[in-house]
Amino acid sequence: VICLGILAIGAVYFLIDPVKGNMPDCPFYSLTNLYCPGCGSQRGLHALLHGNLVGAIDYNPLMVVSLVYFVCESYIWILKRRGKQIRSLSVRRYTPLIVLVVTLAFWVLRNIPVAPFTILAP
């Protein structure tokens, strides 16, 4: 069921181009005129599904890194289901704190309108 949901979401983002305004805008950006950590993820996912890695990174580098992390965690989960003794990255002691700090830092830095931080904005 989860795989079908991921495939359905992937199909939607492959077929519908968010750049053309076919998808909803970020509510946080609409209210505050500031970028949230997820701003640019729809356009980035569309670019990634079309093989444009550089475009995806331009829209939201944190989303691309998060997808790599998700794929690694999924691979570890599959190996664990097959009997391998591998410790997941997400069960480490400081992982939640690191994720929180990185997300908050990205959120703040991408809203600073001075180079080099402007490259983080979508």
PDB file of N, CA and C in Angstrom:
ATOM      1  N   VAL A   1       0.827  -1.188   0.000  1.00  0.00           N
ATOM      2  CA  VAL A   1       0.000   0.000   0.000  1.00  0.00           C
ATOM      3  C   VAL A   1       0.875   1.257   0.000  1.00  0.00           C
ATOM      4  N   ILE A   2       1.941   1.227   0.819  1.00  0.00           N
ATOM      5  CA  ILE A   2       2.845   2.377   0.874  1.00  0.00           C
ATOM      6  C   ILE A   2       3.537   2.572  -0.469  1.00  0.00           C
ATOM      7  N   CYS A   3       3.986   1.475  -1.064  1.00  0.00           N
ATOM      8  CA  CYS A   3       4.652   1.572  -2.372  1.00  0.00           C
ATOM      9  C   CYS A   3       3.706   2.128  -3.433  1.00  0.00           C
ATOM     10  N   LEU A   4       2.450   1.698  -3.409  1.00  0.00           N
ATOM     11  CA  LEU A   4       1.475   2.222  -4.369  1.00  0.00           C
ATOM     12  C   LEU A   4       1.232   3.712  -4.148  1.00  0.00           C
ATOM     13  N   GLY A   5       1.180   4.133  -2.899  1.00  0.00           N
ATOM     14  CA  GLY A   5       1.022   5.555  -2.591  1.00  0.00           C
ATOM     15  C   GLY A   5       2.201   6.375  -3.095  1.00  0.00           C
ATOM     16  N   ILE A   6       3.415   5.866  -2.887  1.00  0.00           N
ATOM     17  CA  ILE A   6       4.614   6.563  -3.367  1.00  0.00           C
ATOM     18  C   ILE A   6       4.612   6.629  -4.890  1.00  0.00           C
ATOM     19  N   LEU A   7       4.230   5.527  -5.538  1.00  0.00           N
ATOM     20  CA  LEU A   7       4.163   5.530  -7.007  1.00  0.00           C
ATOM     21  C   LEU A   7       3.106   6.508  -7.514  1.00  0.00           C
ATOM     22  N   ALA A   8       1.970   6.590  -6.828  1.00  0.00           N
ATOM     23  CA  ALA A   8       0.904   7.518  -7.238  1.00  0.00           C
ATOM     24  C   ALA A   8       1.368   8.966  -7.093  1.00  0.00           C
ATOM     25  N   ILE A   9       2.010   9.275  -5.986  1.00  0.00           N
ATOM     26  CA  ILE A   9       2.530  10.637  -5.794  1.00  0.00           C
ATOM     27  C   ILE A   9       3.592  10.948  -6.838  1.00  0.00           C
ATOM     28  N   GLY A  10       4.459   9.974  -7.095  1.00  0.00           N
ATOM     29  CA  GLY A  10       5.482  10.156  -8.126  1.00  0.00           C
ATOM     30  C   GLY A  10       4.874  10.404  -9.499  1.00  0.00           C
ATOM     31  N   ALA A  11       3.799   9.683  -9.818  1.00  0.00           N
ATOM     32  CA  ALA A  11       3.134   9.873 -11.114  1.00  0.00           C
ATOM     33  C   ALA A  11       2.528  11.264 -11.215  1.00  0.00           C
ATOM     34  N   VAL A  12       1.921  11.731 -10.128  1.00  0.00           N
ATOM     35  CA  VAL A  12       1.331  13.078 -10.134  1.00  0.00           C
ATOM     36  C   VAL A  12       2.409  14.123 -10.376  1.00  0.00           C
ATOM     37  N   TYR A  13       3.528  14.023  -9.643  1.00  0.00           N
ATOM     38  CA  TYR A  13       4.594  15.018  -9.792  1.00  0.00           C
ATOM     39  C   TYR A  13       5.358  14.858 -11.099  1.00  0.00           C
ATOM     40  N   PHE A  14       5.317  13.680 -11.693  1.00  0.00           N
ATOM     41  CA  PHE A  14       5.938  13.512 -13.002  1.00  0.00           C
ATOM     42  C   PHE A  14       5.089  14.167 -14.094  1.00  0.00           C
ATOM     43  N   LEU A  15       3.775  14.011 -13.992  1.00  0.00           N
ATOM     44  CA  LEU A  15       2.881  14.486 -15.040  1.00  0.00           C
ATOM     45  C   LEU A  15       2.508  15.958 -14.911  1.00  0.00           C
ATOM     46  N   ILE A  16       2.374  16.443 -13.685  1.00  0.00           N
ATOM     47  CA  ILE A  16       1.929  17.826 -13.481  1.00  0.00           C
ATOM     48  C   ILE A  16       3.135  18.690 -13.132  1.00  0.00           C
ATOM     49  N   ASP A  17       3.328  19.762 -13.871  1.00  0.00           N
ATOM     50  CA  ASP A  17       4.454  20.659 -13.654  1.00  0.00           C
ATOM     51  C   ASP A  17       4.063  21.763 -12.673  1.00  0.00           C
ATOM     52  N   PRO A  18       4.613  21.755 -11.443  1.00  0.00           N
ATOM     53  CA  PRO A  18       4.265  22.777 -10.459  1.00  0.00           C
ATOM     54  C   PRO A  18       4.718  24.180 -10.868  1.00  0.00           C
ATOM     55  N   VAL A  19       5.693  24.284 -11.750  1.00  0.00           N
ATOM     56  CA  VAL A  19       6.179  25.594 -12.203  1.00  0.00           C
ATOM     57  C   VAL A  19       5.081  26.348 -12.939  1.00  0.00           C
ATOM     58  N   LYS A  20       4.204  25.612 -13.616  1.00  0.00           N
ATOM     59  CA  LYS A  20       3.130  26.236 -14.379  1.00  0.00           C
ATOM     60  C   LYS A  20       1.936  26.621 -13.511  1.00  0.00           C
ATOM     61  N   GLY A  21       2.052  26.426 -12.193  1.00  0.00           N
ATOM     62  CA  GLY A  21       0.989  26.857 -11.292  1.00  0.00           C
ATOM     63  C   GLY A  21      -0.150  25.884 -11.140  1.00  0.00           C
ATOM     64  N   ASN A  22       0.090  24.603 -11.438  1.00  0.00           N
ATOM     65  CA  ASN A  22      -0.966  23.601 -11.327  1.00  0.00           C
ATOM     66  C   ASN A  22      -1.086  23.001  -9.930  1.00  0.00           C
ATOM     67  N   MET A  23      -0.204  23.391  -9.019  1.00  0.00           N
ATOM     68  CA  MET A  23      -0.194  22.834  -7.675  1.00  0.00           C
ATOM     69  C   MET A  23      -0.409  23.968  -6.673  1.00  0.00           C
ATOM     70  N   PRO A  24      -0.862  23.645  -5.467  1.00  0.00           N
ATOM     71  CA  PRO A  24      -1.089  24.697  -4.465  1.00  0.00           C
ATOM     72  C   PRO A  24       0.218  25.342  -4.020  1.00  0.00           C
ATOM     73  N   ASP A  25       0.150  26.630  -3.679  1.00  0.00           N
ATOM     74  CA  ASP A  25       1.311  27.349  -3.175  1.00  0.00           C
ATOM     75  C   ASP A  25       1.545  26.976  -1.715  1.00  0.00           C
ATOM     76  N   CYS A  26       2.742  27.257  -1.244  1.00  0.00           N
ATOM     77  CA  CYS A  26       3.085  27.005   0.155  1.00  0.00           C
ATOM     78  C   CYS A  26       2.284  27.967   1.038  1.00  0.00           C
ATOM     79  N   PRO A  27       1.505  27.450   1.988  1.00  0.00           N
ATOM     80  CA  PRO A  27       0.722  28.340   2.845  1.00  0.00           C
ATOM     81  C   PRO A  27       1.595  29.230   3.726  1.00  0.00           C
ATOM     82  N   PHE A  28       2.734  28.716   4.190  1.00  0.00           N
ATOM     83  CA  PHE A  28       3.619  29.521   5.025  1.00  0.00           C
ATOM     84  C   PHE A  28       4.168  30.704   4.237  1.00  0.00           C
ATOM     85  N   TYR A  29       4.606  30.443   2.988  1.00  0.00           N
ATOM     86  CA  TYR A  29       5.130  31.517   2.150  1.00  0.00           C
ATOM     87  C   TYR A  29       4.015  32.514   1.807  1.00  0.00           C
ATOM     88  N   SER A  30       2.827  32.025   1.554  1.00  0.00           N
ATOM     89  CA  SER A  30       1.701  32.906   1.226  1.00  0.00           C
ATOM     90  C   SER A  30       1.372  33.861   2.368  1.00  0.00           C
ATOM     91  N   LEU A  31       1.510  33.385   3.605  1.00  0.00           N
ATOM     92  CA  LEU A  31       1.181  34.210   4.767  1.00  0.00           C
ATOM     93  C   LEU A  31       2.325  35.128   5.209  1.00  0.00           C
ATOM     94  N   THR A  32       3.571  34.660   5.104  1.00  0.00           N
ATOM     95  CA  THR A  32       4.694  35.393   5.685  1.00  0.00           C
ATOM     96  C   THR A  32       5.675  35.969   4.677  1.00  0.00           C
ATOM     97  N   ASN A  33       5.614  35.502   3.445  1.00  0.00           N
ATOM     98  CA  ASN A  33       6.580  35.867   2.413  1.00  0.00           C
ATOM     99  C   ASN A  33       7.996  35.398   2.767  1.00  0.00           C
ATOM    100  N   LEU A  34       8.068  34.345   3.595  1.00  0.00           N
ATOM    101  CA  LEU A  34       9.328  33.700   3.952  1.00  0.00           C
ATOM    102  C   LEU A  34       9.282  32.257   3.475  1.00  0.00           C
ATOM    103  N   TYR A  35      10.458  31.718   3.136  1.00  0.00           N
ATOM    104  CA  TYR A  35      10.526  30.337   2.665  1.00  0.00           C
ATOM    105  C   TYR A  35      10.590  29.374   3.848  1.00  0.00           C
ATOM    106  N   CYS A  36       9.784  28.332   3.802  1.00  0.00           N
ATOM    107  CA  CYS A  36       9.850  27.277   4.810  1.00  0.00           C
ATOM    108  C   CYS A  36      10.865  26.234   4.323  1.00  0.00           C
ATOM    109  N   PRO A  37      11.227  25.259   5.156  1.00  0.00           N
ATOM    110  CA  PRO A  37      12.186  24.242   4.708  1.00  0.00           C
ATOM    111  C   PRO A  37      11.691  23.417   3.521  1.00  0.00           C
ATOM    112  N   GLY A  38      10.379  23.370   3.317  1.00  0.00           N
ATOM    113  CA  GLY A  38       9.825  22.577   2.222  1.00  0.00           C
ATOM    114  C   GLY A  38       9.572  23.347   0.940  1.00  0.00           C
ATOM    115  N   CYS A  39       9.709  24.666   0.983  1.00  0.00           N
ATOM    116  CA  CYS A  39       9.452  25.465  -0.223  1.00  0.00           C
ATOM    117  C   CYS A  39      10.373  25.032  -1.357  1.00  0.00           C
ATOM    118  N   GLY A  40       9.793  24.808  -2.504  1.00  0.00           N
ATOM    119  CA  GLY A  40      10.535  24.367  -3.678  1.00  0.00           C
ATOM    120  C   GLY A  40      10.560  22.858  -3.838  1.00  0.00           C
ATOM    121  N   SER A  41      10.012  22.126  -2.863  1.00  0.00           N
ATOM    122  CA  SER A  41      10.054  20.663  -2.932  1.00  0.00           C
ATOM    123  C   SER A  41       9.206  20.101  -4.069  1.00  0.00           C
ATOM    124  N   GLN A  42       8.055  20.722  -4.337  1.00  0.00           N
ATOM    125  CA  GLN A  42       7.214  20.228  -5.442  1.00  0.00           C
ATOM    126  C   GLN A  42       7.949  20.386  -6.766  1.00  0.00           C
ATOM    127  N   ARG A  43       8.499  21.554  -6.993  1.00  0.00           N
ATOM    128  CA  ARG A  43       9.241  21.788  -8.238  1.00  0.00           C
ATOM    129  C   ARG A  43      10.501  20.942  -8.289  1.00  0.00           C
ATOM    130  N   GLY A  44      11.154  20.767  -7.139  1.00  0.00           N
ATOM    131  CA  GLY A  44      12.353  19.946  -7.080  1.00  0.00           C
ATOM    132  C   GLY A  44      12.071  18.488  -7.364  1.00  0.00           C
ATOM    133  N   LEU A  45      10.981  17.967  -6.826  1.00  0.00           N
ATOM    134  CA  LEU A  45      10.603  16.581  -7.082  1.00  0.00           C
ATOM    135  C   LEU A  45      10.250  16.382  -8.554  1.00  0.00           C
ATOM    136  N   HIS A  46       9.551  17.342  -9.130  1.00  0.00           N
ATOM    137  CA  HIS A  46       9.229  17.268 -10.561  1.00  0.00           C
ATOM    138  C   HIS A  46      10.519  17.249 -11.388  1.00  0.00           C
ATOM    139  N   ALA A  47      11.453  18.124 -11.043  1.00  0.00           N
ATOM    140  CA  ALA A  47      12.733  18.164 -11.770  1.00  0.00           C
ATOM    141  C   ALA A  47      13.496  16.856 -11.594  1.00  0.00           C
ATOM    142  N   LEU A  48      13.511  16.326 -10.379  1.00  0.00           N
ATOM    143  CA  LEU A  48      14.223  15.082 -10.112  1.00  0.00           C
ATOM    144  C   LEU A  48      13.622  13.918 -10.887  1.00  0.00           C
ATOM    145  N   LEU A  49      12.305  13.849 -10.951  1.00  0.00           N
ATOM    146  CA  LEU A  49      11.649  12.768 -11.697  1.00  0.00           C
ATOM    147  C   LEU A  49      11.890  12.867 -13.199  1.00  0.00           C
ATOM    148  N   HIS A  50      12.263  14.036 -13.661  1.00  0.00           N
ATOM    149  CA  HIS A  50      12.604  14.219 -15.074  1.00  0.00           C
ATOM    150  C   HIS A  50      14.109  14.169 -15.311  1.00  0.00           C
ATOM    151  N   GLY A  51      14.859  13.724 -14.297  1.00  0.00           N
ATOM    152  CA  GLY A  51      16.293  13.532 -14.443  1.00  0.00           C
ATOM    153  C   GLY A  51      17.130  14.781 -14.276  1.00  0.00           C
ATOM    154  N   ASN A  52      16.552  15.845 -13.784  1.00  0.00           N
ATOM    155  CA  ASN A  52      17.270  17.105 -13.633  1.00  0.00           C
ATOM    156  C   ASN A  52      17.711  17.260 -12.172  1.00  0.00           C
ATOM    157  N   LEU A  53      18.827  16.632 -11.811  1.00  0.00           N
ATOM    158  CA  LEU A  53      19.317  16.675 -10.437  1.00  0.00           C
ATOM    159  C   LEU A  53      19.746  18.081 -10.037  1.00  0.00           C
ATOM    160  N   VAL A  54      20.410  18.785 -10.925  1.00  0.00           N
ATOM    161  CA  VAL A  54      20.854  20.149 -10.623  1.00  0.00           C
ATOM    162  C   VAL A  54      19.653  21.060 -10.386  1.00  0.00           C
ATOM    163  N   GLY A  55      18.620  20.928 -11.195  1.00  0.00           N
ATOM    164  CA  GLY A  55      17.406  21.716 -11.000  1.00  0.00           C
ATOM    165  C   GLY A  55      16.741  21.403  -9.670  1.00  0.00           C
ATOM    166  N   ALA A  56      16.717  20.124  -9.300  1.00  0.00           N
ATOM    167  CA  ALA A  56      16.124  19.728  -8.021  1.00  0.00           C
ATOM    168  C   ALA A  56      16.903  20.329  -6.856  1.00  0.00           C
ATOM    169  N   ILE A  57      18.217  20.318  -6.950  1.00  0.00           N
ATOM    170  CA  ILE A  57      19.050  20.907  -5.896  1.00  0.00           C
ATOM    171  C   ILE A  57      18.853  22.413  -5.842  1.00  0.00           C
ATOM    172  N   ASP A  58      18.681  23.051  -6.982  1.00  0.00           N
ATOM    173  CA  ASP A  58      18.426  24.490  -7.006  1.00  0.00           C
ATOM    174  C   ASP A  58      17.111  24.841  -6.309  1.00  0.00           C
ATOM    175  N   TYR A  59      16.094  24.024  -6.491  1.00  0.00           N
ATOM    176  CA  TYR A  59      14.797  24.307  -5.873  1.00  0.00           C
ATOM    177  C   TYR A  59      14.817  24.054  -4.362  1.00  0.00           C
ATOM    178  N   ASN A  60      15.374  22.917  -3.941  1.00  0.00           N
ATOM    179  CA  ASN A  60      15.409  22.618  -2.508  1.00  0.00           C
ATOM    180  C   ASN A  60      16.475  21.556  -2.230  1.00  0.00           C
ATOM    181  N   PRO A  61      17.685  21.995  -1.858  1.00  0.00           N
ATOM    182  CA  PRO A  61      18.751  21.021  -1.592  1.00  0.00           C
ATOM    183  C   PRO A  61      18.453  20.107  -0.410  1.00  0.00           C
ATOM    184  N   LEU A  62      17.733  20.599   0.585  1.00  0.00           N
ATOM    185  CA  LEU A  62      17.405  19.766   1.739  1.00  0.00           C
ATOM    186  C   LEU A  62      16.480  18.623   1.339  1.00  0.00           C
ATOM    187  N   MET A  63      15.580  18.852   0.391  1.00  0.00           N
ATOM    188  CA  MET A  63      14.686  17.800  -0.076  1.00  0.00           C
ATOM    189  C   MET A  63      15.489  16.690  -0.752  1.00  0.00           C
ATOM    190  N   VAL A  64      16.491  17.062  -1.544  1.00  0.00           N
ATOM    191  CA  VAL A  64      17.302  16.059  -2.240  1.00  0.00           C
ATOM    192  C   VAL A  64      18.096  15.233  -1.229  1.00  0.00           C
ATOM    193  N   VAL A  65      18.696  15.898  -0.251  1.00  0.00           N
ATOM    194  CA  VAL A  65      19.442  15.186   0.791  1.00  0.00           C
ATOM    195  C   VAL A  65      18.506  14.288   1.591  1.00  0.00           C
ATOM    196  N   SER A  66      17.308  14.772   1.878  1.00  0.00           N
ATOM    197  CA  SER A  66      16.326  13.979   2.628  1.00  0.00           C
ATOM    198  C   SER A  66      15.901  12.739   1.846  1.00  0.00           C
ATOM    199  N   LEU A  67      15.754  12.876   0.536  1.00  0.00           N
ATOM    200  CA  LEU A  67      15.396  11.714  -0.280  1.00  0.00           C
ATOM    201  C   LEU A  67      16.510  10.676  -0.284  1.00  0.00           C
ATOM    202  N   VAL A  68      17.762  11.135  -0.331  1.00  0.00           N
ATOM    203  CA  VAL A  68      18.897  10.207  -0.270  1.00  0.00           C
ATOM    204  C   VAL A  68      18.873   9.470   1.069  1.00  0.00           C
ATOM    205  N   TYR A  69      18.632  10.204   2.142  1.00  0.00           N
ATOM    206  CA  TYR A  69      18.541   9.603   3.475  1.00  0.00           C
ATOM    207  C   TYR A  69      17.394   8.591   3.522  1.00  0.00           C
ATOM    208  N   PHE A  70      16.244   8.940   2.968  1.00  0.00           N
ATOM    209  CA  PHE A  70      15.089   8.043   2.944  1.00  0.00           C
ATOM    210  C   PHE A  70      15.405   6.762   2.162  1.00  0.00           C
ATOM    211  N   VAL A  71      16.080   6.885   1.030  1.00  0.00           N
ATOM    212  CA  VAL A  71      16.442   5.709   0.233  1.00  0.00           C
ATOM    213  C   VAL A  71      17.408   4.817   1.011  1.00  0.00           C
ATOM    214  N   CYS A  72      18.384   5.426   1.689  1.00  0.00           N
ATOM    215  CA  CYS A  72      19.323   4.647   2.503  1.00  0.00           C
ATOM    216  C   CYS A  72      18.604   3.916   3.626  1.00  0.00           C
ATOM    217  N   GLU A  73      17.708   4.605   4.309  1.00  0.00           N
ATOM    218  CA  GLU A  73      16.941   3.979   5.392  1.00  0.00           C
ATOM    219  C   GLU A  73      16.064   2.848   4.856  1.00  0.00           C
ATOM    220  N   SER A  74      15.488   3.028   3.694  1.00  0.00           N
ATOM    221  CA  SER A  74      14.663   1.980   3.089  1.00  0.00           C
ATOM    222  C   SER A  74      15.504   0.755   2.747  1.00  0.00           C
ATOM    223  N   TYR A  75      16.698   0.987   2.226  1.00  0.00           N
ATOM    224  CA  TYR A  75      17.608  -0.109   1.887  1.00  0.00           C
ATOM    225  C   TYR A  75      18.020  -0.863   3.152  1.00  0.00           C
ATOM    226  N   ILE A  76      18.333  -0.136   4.225  1.00  0.00           N
ATOM    227  CA  ILE A  76      18.692  -0.767   5.490  1.00  0.00           C
ATOM    228  C   ILE A  76      17.513  -1.584   6.016  1.00  0.00           C
ATOM    229  N   TRP A  77      16.299  -1.055   5.892  1.00  0.00           N
ATOM    230  CA  TRP A  77      15.113  -1.770   6.350  1.00  0.00           C
ATOM    231  C   TRP A  77      14.944  -3.086   5.583  1.00  0.00           C
ATOM    232  N   ILE A  78      15.160  -3.028   4.265  1.00  0.00           N
ATOM    233  CA  ILE A  78      15.049  -4.244   3.439  1.00  0.00           C
ATOM    234  C   ILE A  78      16.096  -5.267   3.868  1.00  0.00           C
ATOM    235  N   LEU A  79      17.331  -4.820   4.099  1.00  0.00           N
ATOM    236  CA  LEU A  79      18.379  -5.741   4.526  1.00  0.00           C
ATOM    237  C   LEU A  79      18.063  -6.353   5.888  1.00  0.00           C
ATOM    238  N   LYS A  80      17.497  -5.551   6.787  1.00  0.00           N
ATOM    239  CA  LYS A  80      17.128  -6.071   8.106  1.00  0.00           C
ATOM    240  C   LYS A  80      16.020  -7.116   7.985  1.00  0.00           C
ATOM    241  N   ARG A  81      15.088  -6.904   7.067  1.00  0.00           N
ATOM    242  CA  ARG A  81      14.003  -7.870   6.849  1.00  0.00           C
ATOM    243  C   ARG A  81      14.549  -9.191   6.311  1.00  0.00           C
ATOM    244  N   ARG A  82      15.700  -9.120   5.646  1.00  0.00           N
ATOM    245  CA  ARG A  82      16.329 -10.329   5.102  1.00  0.00           C
ATOM    246  C   ARG A  82      17.284 -10.974   6.101  1.00  0.00           C
ATOM    247  N   GLY A  83      17.316 -10.459   7.343  1.00  0.00           N
ATOM    248  CA  GLY A  83      18.107 -11.093   8.381  1.00  0.00           C
ATOM    249  C   GLY A  83      19.470 -10.485   8.634  1.00  0.00           C
ATOM    250  N   LYS A  84      19.832  -9.442   7.952  1.00  0.00           N
ATOM    251  CA  LYS A  84      21.131  -8.789   8.181  1.00  0.00           C
ATOM    252  C   LYS A  84      21.095  -8.021   9.492  1.00  0.00           C
ATOM    253  N   GLN A  85      22.196  -7.979  10.181  1.00  0.00           N
ATOM    254  CA  GLN A  85      22.311  -7.250  11.440  1.00  0.00           C
ATOM    255  C   GLN A  85      22.924  -5.876  11.160  1.00  0.00           C
ATOM    256  N   ILE A  86      22.085  -4.930  10.768  1.00  0.00           N
ATOM    257  CA  ILE A  86      22.518  -3.571  10.452  1.00  0.00           C
ATOM    258  C   ILE A  86      21.746  -2.613  11.336  1.00  0.00           C
ATOM    259  N   ARG A  87      22.453  -1.661  11.904  1.00  0.00           N
ATOM    260  CA  ARG A  87      21.802  -0.660  12.751  1.00  0.00           C
ATOM    261  C   ARG A  87      21.352   0.506  11.887  1.00  0.00           C
ATOM    262  N   SER A  88      20.105   0.850  12.000  1.00  0.00           N
ATOM    263  CA  SER A  88      19.525   1.940  11.222  1.00  0.00           C
ATOM    264  C   SER A  88      20.136   3.277  11.613  1.00  0.00           C
ATOM    265  N   LEU A  89      20.205   4.188  10.660  1.00  0.00           N
ATOM    266  CA  LEU A  89      20.726   5.527  10.941  1.00  0.00           C
ATOM    267  C   LEU A  89      19.779   6.319  11.835  1.00  0.00           C
ATOM    268  N   SER A  90      18.496   6.063  11.695  1.00  0.00           N
ATOM    269  CA  SER A  90      17.510   6.874  12.408  1.00  0.00           C
ATOM    270  C   SER A  90      17.360   6.503  13.883  1.00  0.00           C
ATOM    271  N   VAL A  91      17.947   5.397  14.327  1.00  0.00           N
ATOM    272  CA  VAL A  91      17.821   5.029  15.728  1.00  0.00           C
ATOM    273  C   VAL A  91      19.045   5.428  16.545  1.00  0.00           C
ATOM    274  N   ARG A  92      19.930   6.175  15.958  1.00  0.00           N
ATOM    275  CA  ARG A  92      21.083   6.675  16.694  1.00  0.00           C
ATOM    276  C   ARG A  92      20.618   7.726  17.695  1.00  0.00           C
ATOM    277  N   ARG A  93      21.377   7.907  18.727  1.00  0.00           N
ATOM    278  CA  ARG A  93      20.962   8.764  19.837  1.00  0.00           C
ATOM    279  C   ARG A  93      20.704  10.209  19.433  1.00  0.00           C
ATOM    280  N   TYR A  94      21.572  10.782  18.622  1.00  0.00           N
ATOM    281  CA  TYR A  94      21.472  12.212  18.310  1.00  0.00           C
ATOM    282  C   TYR A  94      20.829  12.516  16.961  1.00  0.00           C
ATOM    283  N   THR A  95      20.354  11.512  16.260  1.00  0.00           N
ATOM    284  CA  THR A  95      19.755  11.735  14.942  1.00  0.00           C
ATOM    285  C   THR A  95      18.595  12.727  14.972  1.00  0.00           C
ATOM    286  N   PRO A  96      17.619  12.608  15.879  1.00  0.00           N
ATOM    287  CA  PRO A  96      16.523  13.591  15.876  1.00  0.00           C
ATOM    288  C   PRO A  96      17.006  15.023  16.118  1.00  0.00           C
ATOM    289  N   LEU A  97      17.970  15.183  17.013  1.00  0.00           N
ATOM    290  CA  LEU A  97      18.504  16.511  17.292  1.00  0.00           C
ATOM    291  C   LEU A  97      19.242  17.069  16.081  1.00  0.00           C
ATOM    292  N   ILE A  98      20.020  16.240  15.413  1.00  0.00           N
ATOM    293  CA  ILE A  98      20.753  16.679  14.216  1.00  0.00           C
ATOM    294  C   ILE A  98      19.775  17.083  13.122  1.00  0.00           C
ATOM    295  N   VAL A  99      18.736  16.283  12.913  1.00  0.00           N
ATOM    296  CA  VAL A  99      17.729  16.603  11.894  1.00  0.00           C
ATOM    297  C   VAL A  99      17.051  17.928  12.219  1.00  0.00           C
ATOM    298  N   LEU A 100      16.698  18.131  13.476  1.00  0.00           N
ATOM    299  CA  LEU A 100      16.058  19.378  13.899  1.00  0.00           C
ATOM    300  C   LEU A 100      16.971  20.578  13.681  1.00  0.00           C
ATOM    301  N   VAL A 101      18.225  20.481  14.080  1.00  0.00           N
ATOM    302  CA  VAL A 101      19.170  21.594  13.937  1.00  0.00           C
ATOM    303  C   VAL A 101      19.418  21.904  12.464  1.00  0.00           C
ATOM    304  N   VAL A 102      19.617  20.877  11.657  1.00  0.00           N
ATOM    305  CA  VAL A 102      19.853  21.097  10.223  1.00  0.00           C
ATOM    306  C   VAL A 102      18.638  21.743   9.570  1.00  0.00           C
ATOM    307  N   THR A 103      17.449  21.262   9.905  1.00  0.00           N
ATOM    308  CA  THR A 103      16.221  21.820   9.321  1.00  0.00           C
ATOM    309  C   THR A 103      16.029  23.280   9.728  1.00  0.00           C
ATOM    310  N   LEU A 104      16.197  23.579  11.001  1.00  0.00           N
ATOM    311  CA  LEU A 104      16.046  24.964  11.468  1.00  0.00           C
ATOM    312  C   LEU A 104      17.106  25.885  10.867  1.00  0.00           C
ATOM    313  N   ALA A 105      18.351  25.397  10.791  1.00  0.00           N
ATOM    314  CA  ALA A 105      19.417  26.204  10.191  1.00  0.00           C
ATOM    315  C   ALA A 105      19.122  26.476   8.715  1.00  0.00           C
ATOM    316  N   PHE A 106      18.674  25.459   8.002  1.00  0.00           N
ATOM    317  CA  PHE A 106      18.316  25.628   6.592  1.00  0.00           C
ATOM    318  C   PHE A 106      17.184  26.636   6.446  1.00  0.00           C
ATOM    319  N   TRP A 107      16.187  26.553   7.315  1.00  0.00           N
ATOM    320  CA  TRP A 107      15.043  27.456   7.297  1.00  0.00           C
ATOM    321  C   TRP A 107      15.487  28.896   7.483  1.00  0.00           C
ATOM    322  N   VAL A 108      16.355  29.135   8.442  1.00  0.00           N
ATOM    323  CA  VAL A 108      16.826  30.497   8.707  1.00  0.00           C
ATOM    324  C   VAL A 108      17.739  30.989   7.581  1.00  0.00           C
ATOM    325  N   LEU A 109      18.701  30.170   7.195  1.00  0.00           N
ATOM    326  CA  LEU A 109      19.695  30.600   6.206  1.00  0.00           C
ATOM    327  C   LEU A 109      19.083  30.880   4.839  1.00  0.00           C
ATOM    328  N   ARG A 110      18.071  30.143   4.442  1.00  0.00           N
ATOM    329  CA  ARG A 110      17.503  30.362   3.109  1.00  0.00           C
ATOM    330  C   ARG A 110      16.671  31.640   3.030  1.00  0.00           C
ATOM    331  N   ASN A 111      16.390  32.249   4.168  1.00  0.00           N
ATOM    332  CA  ASN A 111      15.634  33.495   4.194  1.00  0.00           C
ATOM    333  C   ASN A 111      16.511  34.724   4.382  1.00  0.00           C
ATOM    334  N   ILE A 112      17.824  34.544   4.412  1.00  0.00           N
ATOM    335  CA  ILE A 112      18.747  35.675   4.507  1.00  0.00           C
ATOM    336  C   ILE A 112      19.012  36.167   3.093  1.00  0.00           C
ATOM    337  N   PRO A 113      18.629  37.411   2.779  1.00  0.00           N
ATOM    338  CA  PRO A 113      18.728  37.897   1.394  1.00  0.00           C
ATOM    339  C   PRO A 113      20.115  38.431   1.026  1.00  0.00           C
ATOM    340  N   VAL A 114      21.153  37.717   1.431  1.00  0.00           N
ATOM    341  CA  VAL A 114      22.527  38.122   1.152  1.00  0.00           C
ATOM    342  C   VAL A 114      23.265  36.898   0.607  1.00  0.00           C
ATOM    343  N   ALA A 115      24.100  37.136  -0.413  1.00  0.00           N
ATOM    344  CA  ALA A 115      24.906  36.038  -0.939  1.00  0.00           C
ATOM    345  C   ALA A 115      25.857  35.571   0.162  1.00  0.00           C
ATOM    346  N   PRO A 116      26.123  34.336   0.300  1.00  0.00           N
ATOM    347  CA  PRO A 116      25.818  33.172  -0.530  1.00  0.00           C
ATOM    348  C   PRO A 116      24.503  32.483  -0.157  1.00  0.00           C
ATOM    349  N   PHE A 117      23.768  33.023   0.818  1.00  0.00           N
ATOM    350  CA  PHE A 117      22.558  32.360   1.306  1.00  0.00           C
ATOM    351  C   PHE A 117      21.411  32.424   0.289  1.00  0.00           C
ATOM    352  N   THR A 118      21.461  33.333  -0.646  1.00  0.00           N
ATOM    353  CA  THR A 118      20.396  33.455  -1.643  1.00  0.00           C
ATOM    354  C   THR A 118      20.325  32.216  -2.545  1.00  0.00           C
ATOM    355  N   ILE A 119      21.399  31.452  -2.616  1.00  0.00           N
ATOM    356  CA  ILE A 119      21.350  30.221  -3.450  1.00  0.00           C
ATOM    357  C   ILE A 119      20.483  29.153  -2.801  1.00  0.00           C
ATOM    358  N   LEU A 120      20.179  29.298  -1.515  1.00  0.00           N
ATOM    359  CA  LEU A 120      19.320  28.318  -0.835  1.00  0.00           C
ATOM    360  C   LEU A 120      17.832  28.577  -1.098  1.00  0.00           C
ATOM    361  N   ALA A 121      17.482  29.765  -1.552  1.00  0.00           N
ATOM    362  CA  ALA A 121      16.086  30.086  -1.833  1.00  0.00           C
ATOM    363  C   ALA A 121      15.660  29.409  -3.134  1.00  0.00           C
ATOM    364  N   PRO A 122      14.394  28.961  -3.193  1.00  0.00           N
ATOM    365  CA  PRO A 122      13.942  28.301  -4.432  1.00  0.00           C
ATOM    366  C   PRO A 122      13.816  29.254  -5.605  1.00  0.00           C
TER     367      PRO A 122
END
